[in-house]
């Protein structure tokens, strides 16, 4: 079972610092998605920074979200929570 996301912070380099309910911090790189459909709108940094927790994942105000399993499995574990 994938832990639930409890906090998200966007970076200026199109990465997300994710904190999971088990206190694990992971960084997810959104850059590979930025040329796919509605994800391309996230190239606008102001829009990218609108990311919020939505149910069991993260989403942006334009309706784009990412599967929570994708976020967990394709992110890297970090010890330092600062990625900006």
C-alpha atoms as a PDB file:
ATOM      1  CA  UNK A   1       0.000   0.000   0.000  1.00  0.00           C
ATOM      2  CA  UNK A   2       1.307   3.427  -0.986  1.00  0.00           C
ATOM      3  CA  UNK A   3       1.504   5.905   1.923  1.00  0.00           C
ATOM      4  CA  UNK A   4      -0.783   8.926   1.631  1.00  0.00           C
ATOM      5  CA  UNK A   5       0.730  12.300   0.689  1.00  0.00           C
ATOM      6  CA  UNK A   6       0.371  14.830   3.489  1.00  0.00           C
ATOM      7  CA  UNK A   7       2.385  17.766   2.130  1.00  0.00           C
ATOM      8  CA  UNK A   8       3.672  18.999  -1.232  1.00  0.00           C
ATOM      9  CA  UNK A   9       6.090  21.809  -2.089  1.00  0.00           C
ATOM     10  CA  UNK A  10       6.909  22.771  -5.704  1.00  0.00           C
ATOM     11  CA  UNK A  11      10.461  23.742  -6.691  1.00  0.00           C
ATOM     12  CA  UNK A  12      11.600  26.192  -9.355  1.00  0.00           C
ATOM     13  CA  UNK A  13      13.043  23.245 -11.320  1.00  0.00           C
ATOM     14  CA  UNK A  14       9.690  21.471 -11.883  1.00  0.00           C
ATOM     15  CA  UNK A  15      10.155  19.045  -9.038  1.00  0.00           C
ATOM     16  CA  UNK A  16       7.834  18.290  -6.156  1.00  0.00           C
ATOM     17  CA  UNK A  17       8.948  17.667  -2.602  1.00  0.00           C
ATOM     18  CA  UNK A  18       6.443  15.161  -1.278  1.00  0.00           C
ATOM     19  CA  UNK A  19       5.970  14.236   2.361  1.00  0.00           C
ATOM     20  CA  UNK A  20       4.127  10.998   2.988  1.00  0.00           C
ATOM     21  CA  UNK A  21       2.152   9.964   6.053  1.00  0.00           C
ATOM     22  CA  UNK A  22       5.031   7.682   7.090  1.00  0.00           C
ATOM     23  CA  UNK A  23       7.227  10.858   7.303  1.00  0.00           C
ATOM     24  CA  UNK A  24       9.196   9.817   4.249  1.00  0.00           C
ATOM     25  CA  UNK A  25      10.257  12.698   2.001  1.00  0.00           C
ATOM     26  CA  UNK A  26      10.643  12.078  -1.710  1.00  0.00           C
ATOM     27  CA  UNK A  27      11.299  14.251  -4.775  1.00  0.00           C
ATOM     28  CA  UNK A  28       9.302  13.714  -7.954  1.00  0.00           C
ATOM     29  CA  UNK A  29      10.572  15.195 -11.223  1.00  0.00           C
ATOM     30  CA  UNK A  30       7.673  16.514 -13.329  1.00  0.00           C
ATOM     31  CA  UNK A  31       9.904  17.570 -16.288  1.00  0.00           C
ATOM     32  CA  UNK A  32       9.424  14.312 -18.274  1.00  0.00           C
ATOM     33  CA  UNK A  33       5.658  14.965 -18.311  1.00  0.00           C
ATOM     34  CA  UNK A  34       5.789  18.586 -19.490  1.00  0.00           C
ATOM     35  CA  UNK A  35       5.370  17.683 -23.178  1.00  0.00           C
ATOM     36  CA  UNK A  36       2.344  15.437 -22.593  1.00  0.00           C
ATOM     37  CA  UNK A  37      -1.151  16.841 -23.184  1.00  0.00           C
ATOM     38  CA  UNK A  38      -2.440  19.098 -20.412  1.00  0.00           C
ATOM     39  CA  UNK A  39       0.835  18.672 -18.509  1.00  0.00           C
ATOM     40  CA  UNK A  40       2.403  21.085 -21.028  1.00  0.00           C
ATOM     41  CA  UNK A  41       0.437  23.889 -19.347  1.00  0.00           C
ATOM     42  CA  UNK A  42       2.575  23.280 -16.240  1.00  0.00           C
ATOM     43  CA  UNK A  43       5.577  24.783 -18.063  1.00  0.00           C
ATOM     44  CA  UNK A  44       4.095  28.033 -16.785  1.00  0.00           C
ATOM     45  CA  UNK A  45       5.842  28.299 -13.405  1.00  0.00           C
ATOM     46  CA  UNK A  46       2.985  30.251 -11.842  1.00  0.00           C
ATOM     47  CA  UNK A  47       0.589  27.441 -12.752  1.00  0.00           C
ATOM     48  CA  UNK A  48       3.086  24.789 -11.610  1.00  0.00           C
ATOM     49  CA  UNK A  49       3.237  26.443  -8.187  1.00  0.00           C
ATOM     50  CA  UNK A  50      -0.536  25.973  -7.716  1.00  0.00           C
ATOM     51  CA  UNK A  51      -0.020  22.279  -6.871  1.00  0.00           C
ATOM     52  CA  UNK A  52      -2.069  21.101  -3.883  1.00  0.00           C
ATOM     53  CA  UNK A  53      -2.966  17.826  -2.226  1.00  0.00           C
ATOM     54  CA  UNK A  54      -6.168  16.462  -3.686  1.00  0.00           C
ATOM     55  CA  UNK A  55      -7.596  13.335  -2.075  1.00  0.00           C
ATOM     56  CA  UNK A  56      -4.768  10.777  -2.237  1.00  0.00           C
ATOM     57  CA  UNK A  57      -2.548  12.590  -4.755  1.00  0.00           C
ATOM     58  CA  UNK A  58      -1.517  16.054  -5.976  1.00  0.00           C
ATOM     59  CA  UNK A  59      -3.317  18.211  -8.519  1.00  0.00           C
ATOM     60  CA  UNK A  60      -3.081  21.611 -10.156  1.00  0.00           C
ATOM     61  CA  UNK A  61      -5.792  24.217 -10.732  1.00  0.00           C
ATOM     62  CA  UNK A  62      -5.982  23.234 -14.421  1.00  0.00           C
ATOM     63  CA  UNK A  63      -7.257  19.781 -13.373  1.00  0.00           C
ATOM     64  CA  UNK A  64      -4.035  17.836 -14.026  1.00  0.00           C
ATOM     65  CA  UNK A  65      -3.111  15.222 -11.441  1.00  0.00           C
ATOM     66  CA  UNK A  66      -0.667  12.333 -11.143  1.00  0.00           C
ATOM     67  CA  UNK A  67      -1.409   8.825  -9.918  1.00  0.00           C
ATOM     68  CA  UNK A  68      -0.156   8.477  -6.310  1.00  0.00           C
ATOM     69  CA  UNK A  69       1.563   5.185  -7.122  1.00  0.00           C
ATOM     70  CA  UNK A  70       3.466   6.940  -9.924  1.00  0.00           C
ATOM     71  CA  UNK A  71       4.501   9.693  -7.517  1.00  0.00           C
ATOM     72  CA  UNK A  72       5.829   7.228  -4.969  1.00  0.00           C
ATOM     73  CA  UNK A  73       7.499   4.685  -7.216  1.00  0.00           C
ATOM     74  CA  UNK A  74       9.133   7.191  -9.559  1.00  0.00           C
ATOM     75  CA  UNK A  75      10.443   9.599  -6.953  1.00  0.00           C
ATOM     76  CA  UNK A  76      13.711   9.594  -5.114  1.00  0.00           C
ATOM     77  CA  UNK A  77      14.045   9.501  -1.355  1.00  0.00           C
ATOM     78  CA  UNK A  78      15.706  12.541   0.208  1.00  0.00           C
ATOM     79  CA  UNK A  79      17.083  13.306   3.624  1.00  0.00           C
ATOM     80  CA  UNK A  80      17.063  17.086   3.287  1.00  0.00           C
ATOM     81  CA  UNK A  81      13.610  18.540   2.594  1.00  0.00           C
ATOM     82  CA  UNK A  82      14.946  21.576   0.710  1.00  0.00           C
ATOM     83  CA  UNK A  83      14.953  21.145  -3.069  1.00  0.00           C
ATOM     84  CA  UNK A  84      14.372  24.693  -4.251  1.00  0.00           C
END
